Amino acid sequence: MNLVLIFDVIIAGLGIYLIYSAFQMKKTGEISNVIINELEVTKCKDRKSFIQSIYNQMIIFGAIAVIFGVLGCINDTVFSLGKVFDIGGVFIFVGAWLWFTREVRKKKGEYFY
C-alpha cells in the first residue's frame, strides 16, 4: 500500500470531519473538541459568538483539505497530476493549515480567558 495514498485519505477524512464539526457546532451550540480541547472549552466567554466567528474558517479549511486529499488520491491512483501538483498542492495545503491555526488562536484570544 502506498503510504502517500494513506495520508491523502486521512487528509480528505479530516476535511470532511472539520466540515461536519462546523455544522454540528452551529446546530448544537457546543464547541467541537477538534479545534479546542475539553478543558479550554469551559473557559469560553461567549460560545455562540465564538462558533459564529470560526464557522466559515472551519468550512474553508475543511473544503481545502477535502479537495487536496481527493486530488492526492487521484494523483496516486488514476493519473499523475505532475510535479506542480505535488509541490504546489503541499504548499497550498500547509499555507491553509497555518492560516486556520492562526485564525483559531486569534479567536481563542478574543473569546477565551
Protein backbone atom coordinates (compact mmCIF):
# COMPACT_ATOMS: atom_id res chain seq x y z
CA MET A 1 0.00 0.00 0.00
CA ASN A 2 1.21 3.44 -0.88
CA LEU A 3 1.92 5.47 2.26
CA VAL A 4 1.21 8.76 0.48
CA LEU A 5 -2.23 7.45 -0.52
CA ILE A 6 -2.99 6.71 3.13
CA PHE A 7 -2.08 10.29 4.07
CA ASP A 8 -4.29 11.63 1.26
CA VAL A 9 -7.25 9.62 2.55
CA ILE A 10 -6.60 10.83 6.10
CA ILE A 11 -6.42 14.46 4.94
CA ALA A 12 -9.68 14.12 3.00
CA GLY A 13 -11.26 12.50 6.06
CA LEU A 14 -10.01 15.35 8.23
CA GLY A 15 -11.62 17.84 5.87
CA ILE A 16 -14.94 16.01 5.94
CA TYR A 17 -14.80 15.82 9.73
CA LEU A 18 -14.00 19.55 10.05
CA ILE A 19 -16.98 20.44 7.86
CA TYR A 20 -19.21 18.07 9.84
CA SER A 21 -17.93 19.52 13.13
CA ALA A 22 -18.63 23.07 11.94
CA PHE A 23 -22.23 22.14 11.09
CA GLN A 24 -22.65 20.34 14.42
CA MET A 25 -21.25 23.31 16.36
CA LYS A 26 -23.66 25.66 14.66
CA LYS A 27 -26.58 23.27 15.21
CA THR A 28 -25.92 22.36 18.85
CA GLY A 29 -24.13 25.46 20.14
CA GLU A 30 -21.34 23.29 21.58
CA ILE A 31 -17.69 23.86 20.65
CA SER A 32 -16.06 20.90 18.92
CA ASN A 33 -13.11 19.19 20.57
CA VAL A 34 -11.46 19.15 17.15
CA ILE A 35 -10.38 22.77 17.49
CA ILE A 36 -10.49 23.40 21.26
CA ASN A 37 -9.82 20.76 23.89
CA GLU A 38 -12.40 19.98 26.57
CA LEU A 39 -10.58 21.76 29.39
CA GLU A 40 -10.35 25.02 27.45
CA VAL A 41 -13.99 24.92 26.31
CA THR A 42 -15.07 25.72 29.86
CA LYS A 43 -13.09 28.98 29.67
CA CYS A 44 -15.10 30.35 26.74
CA LYS A 45 -16.79 33.69 27.48
CA ASP A 46 -19.35 33.52 24.65
CA ARG A 47 -19.71 30.14 22.92
CA LYS A 48 -22.29 31.25 20.38
CA SER A 49 -20.18 34.18 19.16
CA PHE A 50 -17.05 32.03 19.05
CA ILE A 51 -18.84 29.42 16.93
CA GLN A 52 -20.17 32.08 14.57
CA SER A 53 -16.73 33.64 14.21
CA ILE A 54 -14.86 30.38 13.47
CA TYR A 55 -17.56 28.63 11.42
CA ASN A 56 -16.54 29.97 7.98
CA GLN A 57 -12.85 29.30 8.59
CA MET A 58 -13.61 25.68 9.50
CA ILE A 59 -15.67 25.22 6.35
CA ILE A 60 -12.98 26.78 4.14
CA PHE A 61 -10.12 24.76 5.63
CA GLY A 62 -12.22 21.60 5.59
CA ALA A 63 -13.02 22.13 1.90
CA ILE A 64 -9.36 22.73 1.07
CA ALA A 65 -8.41 19.54 2.92
CA VAL A 66 -11.07 17.52 1.09
CA ILE A 67 -10.00 18.88 -2.31
CA PHE A 68 -6.32 18.29 -1.56
CA GLY A 69 -7.00 14.77 -0.29
CA VAL A 70 -9.19 13.79 -3.23
CA LEU A 71 -6.79 15.24 -5.80
CA GLY A 72 -3.94 13.49 -4.00
CA CYS A 73 -5.80 10.16 -4.23
CA ILE A 74 -6.41 10.75 -7.93
CA ASN A 75 -2.77 11.69 -8.37
CA ASP A 76 -1.64 8.49 -6.65
CA THR A 77 -4.06 6.04 -8.28
CA VAL A 78 -5.66 7.19 -11.54
CA PHE A 79 -3.22 9.51 -13.28
CA SER A 80 -0.39 11.79 -12.30
CA LEU A 81 -1.15 15.47 -11.96
CA GLY A 82 2.58 16.21 -12.18
CA LYS A 83 5.24 17.79 -10.03
CA VAL A 84 3.40 21.11 -10.00
CA PHE A 85 0.58 19.49 -8.02
CA ASP A 86 2.99 17.55 -5.82
CA ILE A 87 4.85 20.67 -4.75
CA GLY A 88 2.20 23.38 -5.19
CA GLY A 89 -0.53 21.34 -3.55
CA VAL A 90 1.55 20.78 -0.45
CA PHE A 91 2.37 24.49 -0.20
CA ILE A 92 -1.30 25.42 -0.59
CA PHE A 93 -2.41 22.86 2.00
CA VAL A 94 0.28 23.83 4.53
CA GLY A 95 -0.49 27.52 3.93
CA ALA A 96 -4.19 26.88 4.55
CA TRP A 97 -3.35 24.90 7.69
CA LEU A 98 -1.17 27.72 9.03
CA TRP A 99 -3.91 30.25 8.22
CA PHE A 100 -6.52 28.14 10.02
CA THR A 101 -4.40 27.64 13.15
CA ARG A 102 -3.69 31.38 13.24
CA GLU A 103 -7.44 32.11 12.99
CA VAL A 104 -8.22 29.65 15.80
CA ARG A 105 -5.57 31.25 18.03
CA LYS A 106 -6.84 34.75 17.23
CA LYS A 107 -10.44 33.76 18.02
CA LYS A 108 -9.30 31.99 21.16
CA GLY A 109 -7.69 35.22 22.31
CA GLU A 110 -10.94 37.10 21.75
CA TYR A 111 -13.41 34.64 23.30
CA PHE A 112 -11.45 32.76 25.98
CA TYR A 113 -9.92 33.91 29.27
